[in-house]
PDB file of N, CA and C in Angstrom:
ATOM      1  N   UNK A   1     -32.087 -44.690 -30.641  1.00  0.00           N
ATOM      2  CA  UNK A   1     -30.774 -44.536 -29.853  1.00  0.00           C
ATOM      3  C   UNK A   1     -31.037 -43.689 -28.375  1.00  0.00           C
ATOM      4  N   UNK A   2     -30.498 -43.927 -27.434  1.00  0.00           N
ATOM      5  CA  UNK A   2     -30.300 -43.502 -26.014  1.00  0.00           C
ATOM      6  C   UNK A   2     -29.294 -42.372 -26.358  1.00  0.00           C
ATOM      7  N   UNK A   3     -29.847 -41.504 -25.605  1.00  0.00           N
ATOM      8  CA  UNK A   3     -29.112 -40.083 -25.325  1.00  0.00           C
ATOM      9  C   UNK A   3     -28.359 -40.083 -24.185  1.00  0.00           C
ATOM     10  N   UNK A   4     -27.385 -39.616 -24.032  1.00  0.00           N
ATOM     11  CA  UNK A   4     -26.771 -39.420 -23.016  1.00  0.00           C
ATOM     12  C   UNK A   4     -26.773 -37.392 -22.291  1.00  0.00           C
ATOM     13  N   UNK A   5     -26.832 -37.492 -21.178  1.00  0.00           N
ATOM     14  CA  UNK A   5     -26.885 -36.294 -20.614  1.00  0.00           C
ATOM     15  C   UNK A   5     -25.868 -35.575 -19.955  1.00  0.00           C
ATOM     16  N   UNK A   6     -24.622 -36.464 -20.448  1.00  0.00           N
ATOM     17  CA  UNK A   6     -23.393 -35.973 -19.798  1.00  0.00           C
ATOM     18  C   UNK A   6     -22.413 -35.973 -21.196  1.00  0.00           C
ATOM     19  N   UNK A   7     -21.045 -34.995 -20.713  1.00  0.00           N
ATOM     20  CA  UNK A   7     -20.646 -34.821 -21.998  1.00  0.00           C
ATOM     21  C   UNK A   7     -19.262 -36.395 -22.288  1.00  0.00           C
ATOM     22  N   UNK A   8     -19.101 -36.949 -23.117  1.00  0.00           N
ATOM     23  CA  UNK A   8     -18.850 -37.987 -23.262  1.00  0.00           C
ATOM     24  C   UNK A   8     -17.034 -37.798 -23.830  1.00  0.00           C
ATOM     25  N   UNK A   9     -16.151 -38.786 -23.216  1.00  0.00           N
ATOM     26  CA  UNK A   9     -14.912 -38.691 -23.431  1.00  0.00           C
ATOM     27  C   UNK A   9     -14.655 -39.247 -24.850  1.00  0.00           C
ATOM     28  N   UNK A  10     -13.679 -38.892 -25.657  1.00  0.00           N
ATOM     29  CA  UNK A  10     -13.491 -39.260 -26.642  1.00  0.00           C
ATOM     30  C   UNK A  10     -12.725 -40.792 -26.629  1.00  0.00           C
ATOM     31  N   UNK A  11     -13.046 -41.557 -27.505  1.00  0.00           N
ATOM     32  CA  UNK A  11     -12.365 -43.115 -27.363  1.00  0.00           C
ATOM     33  C   UNK A  11     -11.182 -42.406 -28.501  1.00  0.00           C
ATOM     34  N   UNK A  12      -9.568 -42.879 -27.631  1.00  0.00           N
ATOM     35  CA  UNK A  12      -8.784 -42.368 -27.934  1.00  0.00           C
ATOM     36  C   UNK A  12      -8.028 -43.742 -28.491  1.00  0.00           C
ATOM     37  N   UNK A  13      -7.083 -43.766 -29.461  1.00  0.00           N
ATOM     38  CA  UNK A  13      -6.211 -44.806 -29.698  1.00  0.00           C
ATOM     39  C   UNK A  13      -6.033 -45.868 -28.612  1.00  0.00           C
ATOM     40  N   UNK A  14      -5.439 -45.232 -27.606  1.00  0.00           N
ATOM     41  CA  UNK A  14      -5.326 -46.173 -26.296  1.00  0.00           C
ATOM     42  C   UNK A  14      -6.549 -46.986 -26.033  1.00  0.00           C
ATOM     43  N   UNK A  15      -7.550 -46.198 -25.717  1.00  0.00           N
ATOM     44  CA  UNK A  15      -9.283 -46.721 -25.397  1.00  0.00           C
ATOM     45  C   UNK A  15      -9.370 -47.663 -26.558  1.00  0.00           C
ATOM     46  N   UNK A  16      -9.093 -47.471 -27.713  1.00  0.00           N
ATOM     47  CA  UNK A  16      -9.830 -48.522 -28.262  1.00  0.00           C
ATOM     48  C   UNK A  16      -8.685 -49.504 -28.395  1.00  0.00           C
ATOM     49  N   UNK A  17      -7.549 -49.620 -27.622  1.00  0.00           N
ATOM     50  CA  UNK A  17      -6.696 -51.058 -27.478  1.00  0.00           C
ATOM     51  C   UNK A  17      -7.072 -51.665 -26.495  1.00  0.00           C
ATOM     52  N   UNK A  18      -7.332 -50.973 -25.822  1.00  0.00           N
ATOM     53  CA  UNK A  18      -7.875 -51.264 -24.293  1.00  0.00           C
ATOM     54  C   UNK A  18      -9.500 -52.254 -24.797  1.00  0.00           C
ATOM     55  N   UNK A  19     -10.369 -51.520 -25.570  1.00  0.00           N
ATOM     56  CA  UNK A  19     -11.688 -52.087 -25.397  1.00  0.00           C
ATOM     57  C   UNK A  19     -11.429 -53.541 -26.526  1.00  0.00           C
ATOM     58  N   UNK A  20     -10.509 -53.268 -27.349  1.00  0.00           N
ATOM     59  CA  UNK A  20     -10.153 -54.427 -28.316  1.00  0.00           C
ATOM     60  C   UNK A  20      -9.588 -55.713 -27.586  1.00  0.00           C
ATOM     61  N   UNK A  21      -8.483 -55.099 -26.863  1.00  0.00           N
ATOM     62  CA  UNK A  21      -8.257 -56.321 -26.229  1.00  0.00           C
ATOM     63  C   UNK A  21      -9.154 -57.348 -25.030  1.00  0.00           C
ATOM     64  N   UNK A  22      -9.869 -56.377 -24.001  1.00  0.00           N
ATOM     65  CA  UNK A  22     -10.676 -56.927 -23.420  1.00  0.00           C
ATOM     66  C   UNK A  22     -11.869 -57.592 -24.110  1.00  0.00           C
ATOM     67  N   UNK A  23     -12.223 -57.303 -25.451  1.00  0.00           N
ATOM     68  CA  UNK A  23     -13.420 -57.949 -26.165  1.00  0.00           C
ATOM     69  C   UNK A  23     -12.665 -59.488 -26.610  1.00  0.00           C
ATOM     70  N   UNK A  24     -11.445 -59.232 -27.323  1.00  0.00           N
ATOM     71  CA  UNK A  24     -10.485 -60.321 -27.906  1.00  0.00           C
ATOM     72  C   UNK A  24     -10.650 -61.483 -26.752  1.00  0.00           C
ATOM     73  N   UNK A  25     -10.275 -60.887 -25.856  1.00  0.00           N
ATOM     74  CA  UNK A  25     -10.130 -62.074 -24.514  1.00  0.00           C
ATOM     75  C   UNK A  25     -11.499 -62.617 -24.283  1.00  0.00           C
ATOM     76  N   UNK A  26     -12.572 -61.966 -24.336  1.00  0.00           N
ATOM     77  CA  UNK A  26     -13.928 -62.258 -24.061  1.00  0.00           C
ATOM     78  C   UNK A  26     -14.019 -63.288 -24.940  1.00  0.00           C
ATOM     79  N   UNK A  27     -13.958 -63.062 -26.070  1.00  0.00           N
ATOM     80  CA  UNK A  27     -14.322 -63.887 -27.342  1.00  0.00           C
ATOM     81  C   UNK A  27     -13.416 -65.375 -27.204  1.00  0.00           C
ATOM     82  N   UNK A  28     -12.213 -65.214 -26.628  1.00  0.00           N
ATOM     83  CA  UNK A  28     -11.481 -66.580 -26.590  1.00  0.00           C
ATOM     84  C   UNK A  28     -12.045 -67.423 -25.329  1.00  0.00           C
ATOM     85  N   UNK A  29     -12.481 -66.537 -24.292  1.00  0.00           N
ATOM     86  CA  UNK A  29     -13.201 -67.468 -23.451  1.00  0.00           C
ATOM     87  C   UNK A  29     -14.495 -67.854 -23.653  1.00  0.00           C
ATOM     88  N   UNK A  30     -15.291 -67.413 -24.518  1.00  0.00           N
ATOM     89  CA  UNK A  30     -16.673 -67.494 -24.762  1.00  0.00           C
ATOM     90  C   UNK A  30     -16.968 -68.731 -26.113  1.00  0.00           C
ATOM     91  N   UNK A  31     -15.624 -68.541 -26.495  1.00  0.00           N
ATOM     92  CA  UNK A  31     -15.705 -69.245 -27.702  1.00  0.00           C
ATOM     93  C   UNK A  31     -16.376 -68.942 -28.816  1.00  0.00           C
ATOM     94  N   UNK A  32     -16.364 -67.261 -28.704  1.00  0.00           N
ATOM     95  CA  UNK A  32     -16.973 -66.433 -29.902  1.00  0.00           C
ATOM     96  C   UNK A  32     -16.428 -65.989 -30.782  1.00  0.00           C
ATOM     97  N   UNK A  33     -16.613 -66.210 -31.996  1.00  0.00           N
ATOM     98  CA  UNK A  33     -16.090 -65.279 -33.127  1.00  0.00           C
ATOM     99  C   UNK A  33     -16.079 -63.424 -32.895  1.00  0.00           C
ATOM    100  N   UNK A  34     -15.163 -62.800 -33.190  1.00  0.00           N
ATOM    101  CA  UNK A  34     -14.738 -61.476 -32.894  1.00  0.00           C
ATOM    102  C   UNK A  34     -15.932 -61.011 -34.320  1.00  0.00           C
ATOM    103  N   UNK A  35     -16.561 -61.234 -35.367  1.00  0.00           N
ATOM    104  CA  UNK A  35     -17.400 -60.702 -35.820  1.00  0.00           C
ATOM    105  C   UNK A  35     -18.756 -61.265 -35.559  1.00  0.00           C
ATOM    106  N   UNK A  36     -18.966 -62.301 -34.809  1.00  0.00           N
ATOM    107  CA  UNK A  36     -20.552 -62.546 -34.403  1.00  0.00           C
ATOM    108  C   UNK A  36     -21.264 -61.471 -33.809  1.00  0.00           C
ATOM    109  N   UNK A  37     -22.718 -61.717 -33.963  1.00  0.00           N
ATOM    110  CA  UNK A  37     -23.384 -60.704 -33.458  1.00  0.00           C
ATOM    111  C   UNK A  37     -23.228 -60.451 -31.623  1.00  0.00           C
ATOM    112  N   UNK A  38     -23.086 -61.799 -30.933  1.00  0.00           N
ATOM    113  CA  UNK A  38     -22.666 -61.450 -29.674  1.00  0.00           C
ATOM    114  C   UNK A  38     -21.526 -60.558 -29.241  1.00  0.00           C
ATOM    115  N   UNK A  39     -20.523 -60.349 -30.141  1.00  0.00           N
ATOM    116  CA  UNK A  39     -19.562 -59.956 -30.040  1.00  0.00           C
ATOM    117  C   UNK A  39     -19.719 -58.311 -30.292  1.00  0.00           C
ATOM    118  N   UNK A  40     -20.738 -58.231 -31.115  1.00  0.00           N
ATOM    119  CA  UNK A  40     -21.095 -56.995 -31.259  1.00  0.00           C
ATOM    120  C   UNK A  40     -21.872 -56.285 -30.436  1.00  0.00           C
ATOM    121  N   UNK A  41     -22.297 -57.046 -30.004  1.00  0.00           N
ATOM    122  CA  UNK A  41     -23.522 -56.483 -28.525  1.00  0.00           C
ATOM    123  C   UNK A  41     -22.448 -56.353 -27.426  1.00  0.00           C
ATOM    124  N   UNK A  42     -21.407 -57.224 -27.258  1.00  0.00           N
ATOM    125  CA  UNK A  42     -20.411 -57.366 -26.245  1.00  0.00           C
ATOM    126  C   UNK A  42     -19.632 -55.765 -26.435  1.00  0.00           C
ATOM    127  N   UNK A  43     -19.452 -55.552 -27.832  1.00  0.00           N
ATOM    128  CA  UNK A  43     -18.245 -54.694 -28.323  1.00  0.00           C
ATOM    129  C   UNK A  43     -19.311 -52.928 -27.587  1.00  0.00           C
ATOM    130  N   UNK A  44     -20.551 -53.293 -27.975  1.00  0.00           N
ATOM    131  CA  UNK A  44     -21.402 -52.054 -27.823  1.00  0.00           C
ATOM    132  C   UNK A  44     -21.414 -52.045 -26.012  1.00  0.00           C
ATOM    133  N   UNK A  45     -21.537 -52.909 -25.459  1.00  0.00           N
ATOM    134  CA  UNK A  45     -21.983 -52.753 -23.973  1.00  0.00           C
ATOM    135  C   UNK A  45     -20.402 -52.161 -23.370  1.00  0.00           C
ATOM    136  N   UNK A  46     -19.228 -53.019 -23.906  1.00  0.00           N
ATOM    137  CA  UNK A  46     -18.280 -52.141 -23.410  1.00  0.00           C
ATOM    138  C   UNK A  46     -17.961 -50.432 -23.680  1.00  0.00           C
ATOM    139  N   UNK A  47     -18.214 -50.082 -24.526  1.00  0.00           N
ATOM    140  CA  UNK A  47     -17.999 -48.819 -25.241  1.00  0.00           C
ATOM    141  C   UNK A  47     -19.404 -48.224 -24.002  1.00  0.00           C
ATOM    142  N   UNK A  48     -20.467 -48.261 -23.809  1.00  0.00           N
ATOM    143  CA  UNK A  48     -21.168 -47.783 -23.197  1.00  0.00           C
ATOM    144  C   UNK A  48     -20.674 -48.005 -21.347  1.00  0.00           C
ATOM    145  N   UNK A  49     -20.113 -48.951 -20.808  1.00  0.00           N
ATOM    146  CA  UNK A  49     -19.791 -48.930 -19.618  1.00  0.00           C
ATOM    147  C   UNK A  49     -18.257 -47.831 -19.845  1.00  0.00           C
ATOM    148  N   UNK A  50     -17.628 -47.833 -20.819  1.00  0.00           N
ATOM    149  CA  UNK A  50     -16.760 -46.632 -20.673  1.00  0.00           C
ATOM    150  C   UNK A  50     -16.894 -45.187 -20.562  1.00  0.00           C
ATOM    151  N   UNK A  51     -18.232 -44.955 -21.422  1.00  0.00           N
ATOM    152  CA  UNK A  51     -18.751 -43.771 -21.255  1.00  0.00           C
ATOM    153  C   UNK A  51     -19.343 -43.794 -20.128  1.00  0.00           C
ATOM    154  N   UNK A  52     -19.461 -44.446 -19.355  1.00  0.00           N
ATOM    155  CA  UNK A  52     -20.601 -44.438 -18.010  1.00  0.00           C
ATOM    156  C   UNK A  52     -19.511 -43.969 -16.972  1.00  0.00           C
ATOM    157  N   UNK A  53     -17.825 -44.380 -17.115  1.00  0.00           N
ATOM    158  CA  UNK A  53     -16.845 -44.081 -16.426  1.00  0.00           C
ATOM    159  C   UNK A  53     -16.112 -45.224 -15.959  1.00  0.00           C
ATOM    160  N   UNK A  54     -16.446 -46.145 -16.481  1.00  0.00           N
ATOM    161  CA  UNK A  54     -15.451 -47.577 -16.039  1.00  0.00           C
ATOM    162  C   UNK A  54     -14.352 -47.455 -17.310  1.00  0.00           C
ATOM    163  N   UNK A  55     -13.121 -46.898 -16.663  1.00  0.00           N
ATOM    164  CA  UNK A  55     -12.205 -46.909 -17.265  1.00  0.00           C
ATOM    165  C   UNK A  55     -10.698 -48.318 -17.064  1.00  0.00           C
ATOM    166  N   UNK A  56     -10.985 -48.688 -16.071  1.00  0.00           N
ATOM    167  CA  UNK A  56     -10.300 -49.742 -15.480  1.00  0.00           C
ATOM    168  C   UNK A  56     -10.307 -51.210 -16.421  1.00  0.00           C
ATOM    169  N   UNK A  57      -9.083 -51.810 -17.376  1.00  0.00           N
ATOM    170  CA  UNK A  57      -9.277 -52.694 -18.018  1.00  0.00           C
ATOM    171  C   UNK A  57     -10.037 -53.822 -17.147  1.00  0.00           C
ATOM    172  N   UNK A  58      -9.528 -54.433 -16.045  1.00  0.00           N
ATOM    173  CA  UNK A  58      -9.868 -55.580 -15.369  1.00  0.00           C
ATOM    174  C   UNK A  58     -11.081 -55.241 -15.038  1.00  0.00           C
ATOM    175  N   UNK A  59     -11.996 -54.192 -14.629  1.00  0.00           N
ATOM    176  CA  UNK A  59     -13.225 -53.950 -14.379  1.00  0.00           C
ATOM    177  C   UNK A  59     -14.180 -54.039 -15.749  1.00  0.00           C
ATOM    178  N   UNK A  60     -13.659 -53.379 -16.552  1.00  0.00           N
ATOM    179  CA  UNK A  60     -14.705 -53.850 -18.138  1.00  0.00           C
ATOM    180  C   UNK A  60     -14.572 -55.301 -18.130  1.00  0.00           C
ATOM    181  N   UNK A  61     -13.329 -56.141 -18.038  1.00  0.00           N
ATOM    182  CA  UNK A  61     -13.565 -57.555 -18.293  1.00  0.00           C
ATOM    183  C   UNK A  61     -14.250 -58.181 -17.667  1.00  0.00           C
ATOM    184  N   UNK A  62     -14.575 -57.599 -16.021  1.00  0.00           N
ATOM    185  CA  UNK A  62     -15.851 -58.239 -15.144  1.00  0.00           C
ATOM    186  C   UNK A  62     -16.857 -58.054 -15.453  1.00  0.00           C
ATOM    187  N   UNK A  63     -17.339 -56.506 -15.791  1.00  0.00           N
ATOM    188  CA  UNK A  63     -18.820 -56.383 -16.148  1.00  0.00           C
ATOM    189  C   UNK A  63     -18.937 -57.123 -17.399  1.00  0.00           C
ATOM    190  N   UNK A  64     -18.364 -57.208 -18.306  1.00  0.00           N
ATOM    191  CA  UNK A  64     -18.841 -58.231 -19.445  1.00  0.00           C
ATOM    192  C   UNK A  64     -18.748 -59.707 -19.268  1.00  0.00           C
ATOM    193  N   UNK A  65     -17.876 -60.088 -18.555  1.00  0.00           N
ATOM    194  CA  UNK A  65     -18.116 -61.443 -18.074  1.00  0.00           C
ATOM    195  C   UNK A  65     -19.174 -61.680 -17.390  1.00  0.00           C
ATOM    196  N   UNK A  66     -19.341 -60.845 -16.171  1.00  0.00           N
ATOM    197  CA  UNK A  66     -20.530 -61.008 -15.570  1.00  0.00           C
ATOM    198  C   UNK A  66     -21.591 -60.497 -16.080  1.00  0.00           C
ATOM    199  N   UNK A  67     -22.159 -60.375 -17.392  1.00  0.00           N
ATOM    200  CA  UNK A  67     -23.079 -59.764 -18.063  1.00  0.00           C
ATOM    201  C   UNK A  67     -23.965 -58.758 -17.418  1.00  0.00           C
ATOM    202  N   UNK A  68     -23.333 -57.915 -16.531  1.00  0.00           N
ATOM    203  CA  UNK A  68     -23.898 -57.014 -16.150  1.00  0.00           C
ATOM    204  C   UNK A  68     -24.139 -55.976 -16.800  1.00  0.00           C
ATOM    205  N   UNK A  69     -25.165 -55.418 -16.996  1.00  0.00           N
ATOM    206  CA  UNK A  69     -26.069 -54.095 -18.084  1.00  0.00           C
ATOM    207  C   UNK A  69     -26.237 -52.960 -17.565  1.00  0.00           C
ATOM    208  N   UNK A  70     -26.039 -51.697 -18.143  1.00  0.00           N
ATOM    209  CA  UNK A  70     -26.491 -50.353 -17.643  1.00  0.00           C
ATOM    210  C   UNK A  70     -27.989 -50.371 -17.714  1.00  0.00           C
TER     211      UNK A  70
END
């Protein structure tokens, strides 16, 4: 597991709603089940991007749509 050197912002209920919405939209676009391995990897990527500082819902959707990795 990778460790971060910066303090992480907590994942609030509002943040979780945004991440869930972005992931579910991605699953629809990719015709992918939310319980699939690919969706799990994408969810982890979303959290990584959030912790890296991407907070905008549209930007989060773009980075996973374009499969940009940290």
